[in-house]
Amino acid sequence: MKYKQLRVDGDYDIIMESEGKVQQKIIFWFRNNYCTKLNNPQCAIFSVPNEGKNAKEQAAKIATGLMSGVSDLVVMLPSRVLFVEVKDAKGRQKPKQKDFENIATGLGFEYHIVRSLEDFQKIIENKLIELGMYKK
């Protein structure tokens, strides 16, 4: 998502929302709407760390199952698992992310690239309509 920020000279700068900020909004929105104990069924969303901060941490994560290219988020709905990659307005998939997308879709899972909370909300709304859990 892009925002306009007023400069001192009266003109505007266009500010792009970072991938991290979009991901935070997605997690907050989804958990508050579909992951509480009051939700029946209770859904789940979680992030997948797929990089270490340094070489030592990266090696330790690889030894315990880290897979480069895995989607940023995994969303669990009734009888559905969605893999969601978050990108900013200009972000593009890396080769290992494309490889993971091919694995996931080849196994019959859904893989989505989103650039905003609104993109994500549309996907969830459509999935819930398919499952008969959401009425427009």
N, C-alpha and C. Protein backbone atom coordinates (compact mmCIF):
# COMPACT_ATOMS: atom_id res chain seq x y z
N MET A 1 0.85 -1.16 0.00
CA MET A 1 0.00 0.00 0.00
C MET A 1 0.90 1.23 0.00
N LYS A 2 0.47 2.26 -0.67
CA LYS A 2 1.23 3.50 -0.73
C LYS A 2 0.51 4.58 0.05
N TYR A 3 1.29 5.44 0.65
CA TYR A 3 0.75 6.56 1.41
C TYR A 3 1.39 7.85 0.93
N LYS A 4 0.66 8.93 1.04
CA LYS A 4 1.23 10.25 0.75
C LYS A 4 1.65 10.87 2.06
N GLN A 5 2.84 11.43 2.08
CA GLN A 5 3.34 12.12 3.26
C GLN A 5 3.66 13.56 2.87
N LEU A 6 3.06 14.50 3.56
CA LEU A 6 3.25 15.91 3.27
C LEU A 6 4.65 16.35 3.67
N ARG A 7 5.34 17.01 2.75
CA ARG A 7 6.67 17.54 3.04
C ARG A 7 6.54 18.98 3.53
N VAL A 8 7.61 19.50 4.07
CA VAL A 8 7.65 20.87 4.57
C VAL A 8 7.36 21.87 3.45
N ASP A 9 7.81 21.56 2.23
CA ASP A 9 7.60 22.49 1.11
C ASP A 9 6.19 22.43 0.53
N GLY A 10 5.31 21.62 1.13
CA GLY A 10 3.93 21.55 0.69
C GLY A 10 3.65 20.48 -0.36
N ASP A 11 4.71 19.85 -0.89
CA ASP A 11 4.53 18.77 -1.85
C ASP A 11 4.40 17.44 -1.09
N TYR A 12 4.20 16.35 -1.80
CA TYR A 12 4.01 15.05 -1.17
C TYR A 12 5.08 14.07 -1.61
N ASP A 13 5.46 13.20 -0.71
CA ASP A 13 6.29 12.04 -1.02
C ASP A 13 5.39 10.81 -0.95
N ILE A 14 5.64 9.85 -1.82
CA ILE A 14 4.90 8.59 -1.78
C ILE A 14 5.72 7.62 -0.94
N ILE A 15 5.10 7.10 0.09
CA ILE A 15 5.76 6.17 1.01
C ILE A 15 5.16 4.78 0.79
N MET A 16 6.02 3.78 0.56
CA MET A 16 5.53 2.42 0.41
C MET A 16 5.56 1.71 1.76
N GLU A 17 4.54 0.94 2.01
CA GLU A 17 4.47 0.16 3.24
C GLU A 17 5.41 -1.04 3.10
N SER A 18 6.21 -1.30 4.13
CA SER A 18 7.17 -2.40 4.07
C SER A 18 6.46 -3.75 4.15
N GLU A 19 7.15 -4.78 3.67
CA GLU A 19 6.61 -6.14 3.76
C GLU A 19 6.32 -6.51 5.20
N GLY A 20 7.23 -6.13 6.09
CA GLY A 20 7.06 -6.46 7.51
C GLY A 20 5.81 -5.82 8.10
N LYS A 21 5.55 -4.57 7.73
CA LYS A 21 4.36 -3.88 8.24
C LYS A 21 3.09 -4.52 7.70
N VAL A 22 3.09 -4.88 6.42
CA VAL A 22 1.93 -5.55 5.83
C VAL A 22 1.69 -6.89 6.54
N GLN A 23 2.78 -7.62 6.76
CA GLN A 23 2.65 -8.92 7.43
C GLN A 23 2.09 -8.77 8.85
N GLN A 24 2.55 -7.76 9.57
CA GLN A 24 2.03 -7.51 10.93
C GLN A 24 0.53 -7.24 10.88
N LYS A 25 0.09 -6.42 9.93
CA LYS A 25 -1.34 -6.10 9.82
C LYS A 25 -2.15 -7.35 9.50
N ILE A 26 -1.63 -8.19 8.62
CA ILE A 26 -2.32 -9.43 8.25
C ILE A 26 -2.48 -10.33 9.47
N ILE A 27 -1.39 -10.55 10.19
CA ILE A 27 -1.44 -11.42 11.37
C ILE A 27 -2.43 -10.88 12.39
N PHE A 28 -2.36 -9.59 12.68
CA PHE A 28 -3.25 -8.97 13.67
C PHE A 28 -4.71 -9.13 13.25
N TRP A 29 -5.02 -8.79 12.01
CA TRP A 29 -6.40 -8.86 11.52
C TRP A 29 -6.93 -10.29 11.55
N PHE A 30 -6.15 -11.22 11.02
CA PHE A 30 -6.63 -12.60 10.92
C PHE A 30 -6.80 -13.22 12.31
N ARG A 31 -5.83 -13.04 13.18
CA ARG A 31 -5.94 -13.63 14.52
C ARG A 31 -7.13 -13.06 15.29
N ASN A 32 -7.39 -11.78 15.13
CA ASN A 32 -8.51 -11.17 15.86
C ASN A 32 -9.87 -11.53 15.28
N ASN A 33 -9.91 -11.96 14.03
CA ASN A 33 -11.18 -12.27 13.39
C ASN A 33 -11.47 -13.76 13.26
N TYR A 34 -10.41 -14.60 13.26
CA TYR A 34 -10.64 -16.02 12.98
C TYR A 34 -9.90 -16.99 13.91
N CYS A 35 -9.11 -16.49 14.83
CA CYS A 35 -8.27 -17.38 15.64
C CYS A 35 -8.57 -17.35 17.13
N THR A 36 -9.63 -16.68 17.54
CA THR A 36 -9.93 -16.63 18.96
C THR A 36 -10.69 -17.89 19.37
N LYS A 37 -10.75 -18.16 20.65
CA LYS A 37 -11.48 -19.33 21.14
C LYS A 37 -12.97 -19.21 20.88
N LEU A 38 -13.44 -18.02 20.58
CA LEU A 38 -14.85 -17.81 20.27
C LEU A 38 -15.19 -18.20 18.83
N ASN A 39 -14.17 -18.32 17.99
CA ASN A 39 -14.40 -18.71 16.60
C ASN A 39 -14.62 -20.21 16.51
N ASN A 40 -15.66 -20.59 15.78
CA ASN A 40 -15.92 -22.01 15.59
C ASN A 40 -16.18 -22.23 14.10
N PRO A 41 -15.25 -22.83 13.40
CA PRO A 41 -14.00 -23.41 13.89
C PRO A 41 -12.93 -22.33 14.09
N GLN A 42 -11.99 -22.65 14.94
CA GLN A 42 -10.88 -21.74 15.21
C GLN A 42 -9.80 -21.99 14.16
N CYS A 43 -9.40 -20.96 13.45
CA CYS A 43 -8.39 -21.07 12.41
C CYS A 43 -7.01 -20.71 12.98
N ALA A 44 -5.98 -20.78 12.14
CA ALA A 44 -4.63 -20.46 12.60
C ALA A 44 -3.84 -19.78 11.48
N ILE A 45 -2.92 -18.93 11.90
CA ILE A 45 -1.97 -18.29 10.97
C ILE A 45 -0.65 -18.19 11.71
N PHE A 46 0.44 -18.45 11.00
CA PHE A 46 1.75 -18.30 11.62
C PHE A 46 2.79 -17.97 10.56
N SER A 47 3.86 -17.34 11.03
CA SER A 47 4.95 -16.99 10.12
C SER A 47 6.00 -18.10 10.15
N VAL A 48 6.79 -18.14 9.09
CA VAL A 48 7.83 -19.14 8.97
C VAL A 48 9.16 -18.42 8.80
N PRO A 49 9.97 -18.39 9.86
CA PRO A 49 11.29 -17.77 9.70
C PRO A 49 12.12 -18.63 8.74
N ASN A 50 12.67 -18.02 7.71
CA ASN A 50 13.44 -18.82 6.77
C ASN A 50 14.82 -18.24 6.47
N GLU A 51 15.32 -17.44 7.39
CA GLU A 51 16.67 -16.91 7.27
C GLU A 51 17.25 -16.70 8.65
N GLY A 52 18.54 -16.94 8.78
CA GLY A 52 19.24 -16.62 10.01
C GLY A 52 19.81 -15.22 9.95
N LYS A 53 20.08 -14.64 11.11
CA LYS A 53 20.61 -13.27 11.14
C LYS A 53 22.08 -13.23 10.74
N ASN A 54 22.78 -14.34 10.95
CA ASN A 54 24.19 -14.42 10.60
C ASN A 54 24.49 -15.86 10.19
N ALA A 55 25.72 -16.13 9.77
CA ALA A 55 26.08 -17.45 9.26
C ALA A 55 25.89 -18.55 10.30
N LYS A 56 26.24 -18.28 11.55
CA LYS A 56 26.10 -19.28 12.61
C LYS A 56 24.62 -19.61 12.85
N GLU A 57 23.79 -18.59 12.94
CA GLU A 57 22.35 -18.81 13.15
C GLU A 57 21.73 -19.49 11.94
N GLN A 58 22.18 -19.12 10.74
CA GLN A 58 21.67 -19.74 9.52
C GLN A 58 22.01 -21.23 9.51
N ALA A 59 23.22 -21.58 9.87
CA ALA A 59 23.64 -22.99 9.90
C ALA A 59 22.81 -23.77 10.92
N ALA A 60 22.56 -23.17 12.09
CA ALA A 60 21.76 -23.85 13.12
C ALA A 60 20.33 -24.05 12.63
N LYS A 61 19.77 -23.07 11.95
CA LYS A 61 18.39 -23.20 11.45
C LYS A 61 18.31 -24.26 10.35
N ILE A 62 19.30 -24.29 9.47
CA ILE A 62 19.33 -25.31 8.42
C ILE A 62 19.38 -26.71 9.03
N ALA A 63 20.19 -26.85 10.08
CA ALA A 63 20.33 -28.15 10.76
C ALA A 63 19.02 -28.60 11.40
N THR A 64 18.16 -27.65 11.73
CA THR A 64 16.88 -28.01 12.37
C THR A 64 15.69 -27.91 11.41
N GLY A 65 15.97 -27.85 10.10
CA GLY A 65 14.89 -27.95 9.12
C GLY A 65 14.54 -26.72 8.33
N LEU A 66 15.28 -25.65 8.46
CA LEU A 66 15.01 -24.45 7.68
C LEU A 66 15.00 -24.78 6.19
N MET A 67 14.06 -24.21 5.49
CA MET A 67 13.98 -24.38 4.04
C MET A 67 13.88 -23.00 3.41
N SER A 68 14.89 -22.61 2.70
CA SER A 68 14.88 -21.30 2.04
C SER A 68 13.76 -21.25 1.01
N GLY A 69 13.10 -20.10 0.94
CA GLY A 69 12.06 -19.90 -0.04
C GLY A 69 10.66 -20.18 0.44
N VAL A 70 10.52 -20.76 1.64
CA VAL A 70 9.19 -21.05 2.18
C VAL A 70 8.42 -19.74 2.31
N SER A 71 7.11 -19.81 2.11
CA SER A 71 6.28 -18.61 2.17
C SER A 71 6.37 -17.95 3.54
N ASP A 72 6.08 -16.66 3.59
CA ASP A 72 6.14 -15.90 4.84
C ASP A 72 5.11 -16.38 5.85
N LEU A 73 3.92 -16.74 5.36
CA LEU A 73 2.82 -17.11 6.25
C LEU A 73 2.18 -18.42 5.82
N VAL A 74 1.67 -19.15 6.81
CA VAL A 74 0.86 -20.33 6.57
C VAL A 74 -0.48 -20.07 7.25
N VAL A 75 -1.56 -20.25 6.50
CA VAL A 75 -2.91 -20.00 7.00
C VAL A 75 -3.66 -21.33 6.99
N MET A 76 -4.22 -21.67 8.14
CA MET A 76 -5.00 -22.91 8.26
C MET A 76 -6.47 -22.58 8.41
N LEU A 77 -7.25 -22.99 7.42
CA LEU A 77 -8.71 -22.85 7.42
C LEU A 77 -9.27 -24.28 7.47
N PRO A 78 -10.55 -24.44 7.71
CA PRO A 78 -11.12 -25.79 7.69
C PRO A 78 -10.85 -26.47 6.34
N SER A 79 -10.18 -27.58 6.37
CA SER A 79 -9.84 -28.41 5.20
C SER A 79 -9.01 -27.67 4.14
N ARG A 80 -8.37 -26.58 4.50
CA ARG A 80 -7.54 -25.81 3.56
C ARG A 80 -6.29 -25.30 4.28
N VAL A 81 -5.18 -25.37 3.55
CA VAL A 81 -3.94 -24.73 4.00
C VAL A 81 -3.49 -23.82 2.87
N LEU A 82 -3.25 -22.55 3.21
CA LEU A 82 -2.81 -21.57 2.23
C LEU A 82 -1.39 -21.12 2.57
N PHE A 83 -0.56 -21.02 1.56
CA PHE A 83 0.78 -20.46 1.73
C PHE A 83 0.74 -19.05 1.16
N VAL A 84 1.19 -18.08 1.95
CA VAL A 84 1.08 -16.68 1.56
C VAL A 84 2.44 -16.01 1.62
N GLU A 85 2.86 -15.45 0.51
CA GLU A 85 4.10 -14.68 0.42
C GLU A 85 3.73 -13.20 0.43
N VAL A 86 4.36 -12.43 1.29
CA VAL A 86 4.09 -11.00 1.41
C VAL A 86 5.19 -10.24 0.68
N LYS A 87 4.78 -9.36 -0.21
CA LYS A 87 5.73 -8.52 -0.94
C LYS A 87 5.26 -7.07 -0.88
N ASP A 88 6.21 -6.14 -0.95
CA ASP A 88 5.80 -4.74 -1.06
C ASP A 88 5.43 -4.47 -2.52
N ALA A 89 5.09 -3.25 -2.82
CA ALA A 89 4.58 -2.90 -4.15
C ALA A 89 5.55 -3.26 -5.27
N LYS A 90 6.84 -3.23 -5.00
CA LYS A 90 7.82 -3.50 -6.05
C LYS A 90 8.51 -4.86 -5.89
N GLY A 91 8.19 -5.57 -4.81
CA GLY A 91 8.87 -6.83 -4.51
C GLY A 91 8.59 -7.93 -5.52
N ARG A 92 9.60 -8.74 -5.79
CA ARG A 92 9.49 -9.87 -6.71
C ARG A 92 9.98 -11.13 -6.00
N GLN A 93 9.45 -12.26 -6.42
CA GLN A 93 9.88 -13.52 -5.85
C GLN A 93 11.32 -13.83 -6.23
N LYS A 94 12.04 -14.42 -5.27
CA LYS A 94 13.39 -14.92 -5.53
C LYS A 94 13.24 -16.32 -6.12
N PRO A 95 14.28 -16.82 -6.79
CA PRO A 95 14.20 -18.16 -7.39
C PRO A 95 13.77 -19.26 -6.40
N LYS A 96 14.29 -19.25 -5.18
CA LYS A 96 13.91 -20.28 -4.21
C LYS A 96 12.45 -20.14 -3.79
N GLN A 97 11.92 -18.93 -3.80
CA GLN A 97 10.50 -18.73 -3.49
C GLN A 97 9.64 -19.29 -4.62
N LYS A 98 10.08 -19.11 -5.86
CA LYS A 98 9.35 -19.69 -6.99
C LYS A 98 9.40 -21.21 -6.93
N ASP A 99 10.56 -21.76 -6.52
CA ASP A 99 10.68 -23.21 -6.37
C ASP A 99 9.69 -23.72 -5.33
N PHE A 100 9.59 -23.01 -4.19
CA PHE A 100 8.66 -23.43 -3.15
C PHE A 100 7.22 -23.33 -3.66
N GLU A 101 6.89 -22.27 -4.37
CA GLU A 101 5.55 -22.13 -4.93
C GLU A 101 5.21 -23.33 -5.81
N ASN A 102 6.17 -23.74 -6.64
CA ASN A 102 5.95 -24.89 -7.53
C ASN A 102 5.74 -26.18 -6.75
N ILE A 103 6.49 -26.36 -5.67
CA ILE A 103 6.30 -27.54 -4.83
C ILE A 103 4.91 -27.52 -4.20
N ALA A 104 4.55 -26.38 -3.59
CA ALA A 104 3.26 -26.27 -2.90
C ALA A 104 2.09 -26.49 -3.86
N THR A 105 2.11 -25.81 -4.99
CA THR A 105 0.99 -25.94 -5.94
C THR A 105 1.00 -27.32 -6.59
N GLY A 106 2.18 -27.89 -6.80
CA GLY A 106 2.28 -29.24 -7.36
C GLY A 106 1.68 -30.29 -6.45
N LEU A 107 1.68 -30.02 -5.15
CA LEU A 107 1.08 -30.93 -4.18
C LEU A 107 -0.40 -30.61 -3.92
N GLY A 108 -0.92 -29.62 -4.63
CA GLY A 108 -2.34 -29.31 -4.52
C GLY A 108 -2.68 -28.22 -3.51
N PHE A 109 -1.67 -27.54 -2.97
CA PHE A 109 -1.93 -26.46 -2.03
C PHE A 109 -2.04 -25.14 -2.77
N GLU A 110 -2.65 -24.18 -2.12
CA GLU A 110 -2.76 -22.84 -2.70
C GLU A 110 -1.59 -21.98 -2.24
N TYR A 111 -1.09 -21.17 -3.15
CA TYR A 111 0.01 -20.25 -2.88
C TYR A 111 -0.42 -18.89 -3.40
N HIS A 112 -0.32 -17.89 -2.55
CA HIS A 112 -0.74 -16.54 -2.93
C HIS A 112 0.37 -15.53 -2.63
N ILE A 113 0.48 -14.55 -3.49
CA ILE A 113 1.36 -13.39 -3.23
C ILE A 113 0.44 -12.22 -2.93
N VAL A 114 0.65 -11.57 -1.79
CA VAL A 114 -0.16 -10.41 -1.43
C VAL A 114 0.76 -9.21 -1.21
N ARG A 115 0.20 -8.04 -1.47
CA ARG A 115 0.97 -6.80 -1.33
C ARG A 115 0.33 -5.85 -0.32
N SER A 116 -0.82 -6.28 0.25
CA SER A 116 -1.51 -5.43 1.22
C SER A 116 -2.45 -6.28 2.06
N LEU A 117 -2.90 -5.71 3.16
CA LEU A 117 -3.91 -6.37 3.98
C LEU A 117 -5.16 -6.61 3.15
N GLU A 118 -5.52 -5.66 2.32
CA GLU A 118 -6.73 -5.76 1.50
C GLU A 118 -6.64 -6.95 0.53
N ASP A 119 -5.47 -7.18 -0.08
CA ASP A 119 -5.28 -8.35 -0.95
C ASP A 119 -5.56 -9.62 -0.16
N PHE A 120 -5.00 -9.69 1.04
CA PHE A 120 -5.16 -10.88 1.88
C PHE A 120 -6.62 -11.07 2.28
N GLN A 121 -7.28 -10.00 2.67
CA GLN A 121 -8.68 -10.09 3.09
C GLN A 121 -9.56 -10.63 1.96
N LYS A 122 -9.30 -10.23 0.72
CA LYS A 122 -10.08 -10.73 -0.42
C LYS A 122 -9.90 -12.23 -0.59
N ILE A 123 -8.67 -12.70 -0.43
CA ILE A 123 -8.40 -14.14 -0.56
C ILE A 123 -9.15 -14.91 0.52
N ILE A 124 -9.06 -14.44 1.77
CA ILE A 124 -9.73 -15.12 2.87
C ILE A 124 -11.24 -15.10 2.68
N GLU A 125 -11.79 -13.97 2.30
CA GLU A 125 -13.23 -13.87 2.07
C GLU A 125 -13.67 -14.88 1.01
N ASN A 126 -12.93 -14.98 -0.08
CA ASN A 126 -13.28 -15.93 -1.15
C ASN A 126 -13.19 -17.37 -0.67
N LYS A 127 -12.18 -17.69 0.12
CA LYS A 127 -12.03 -19.06 0.64
C LYS A 127 -13.19 -19.39 1.58
N LEU A 128 -13.56 -18.45 2.43
CA LEU A 128 -14.65 -18.70 3.38
C LEU A 128 -15.99 -18.83 2.66
N ILE A 129 -16.16 -18.09 1.57
CA ILE A 129 -17.37 -18.24 0.75
C ILE A 129 -17.40 -19.65 0.15
N GLU A 130 -16.26 -20.11 -0.37
CA GLU A 130 -16.18 -21.47 -0.93
C GLU A 130 -16.55 -22.53 0.13
N LEU A 131 -16.13 -22.28 1.36
CA LEU A 131 -16.37 -23.23 2.44
C LEU A 131 -17.76 -23.08 3.06
N GLY A 132 -18.52 -22.09 2.57
CA GLY A 132 -19.86 -21.86 3.11
C GLY A 132 -19.84 -21.23 4.49
N MET A 133 -18.76 -20.56 4.83
CA MET A 133 -18.62 -19.96 6.16
C MET A 133 -18.77 -18.44 6.16
N TYR A 134 -18.96 -17.85 5.00
CA TYR A 134 -19.01 -16.39 4.90
C TYR A 134 -20.15 -16.01 3.98
N LYS A 135 -20.93 -15.09 4.42
CA LYS A 135 -22.04 -14.61 3.59
C LYS A 135 -21.77 -13.17 3.21
N LYS A 136 -21.87 -12.86 1.92
CA LYS A 136 -21.68 -11.47 1.46
C LYS A 136 -22.85 -10.63 1.84
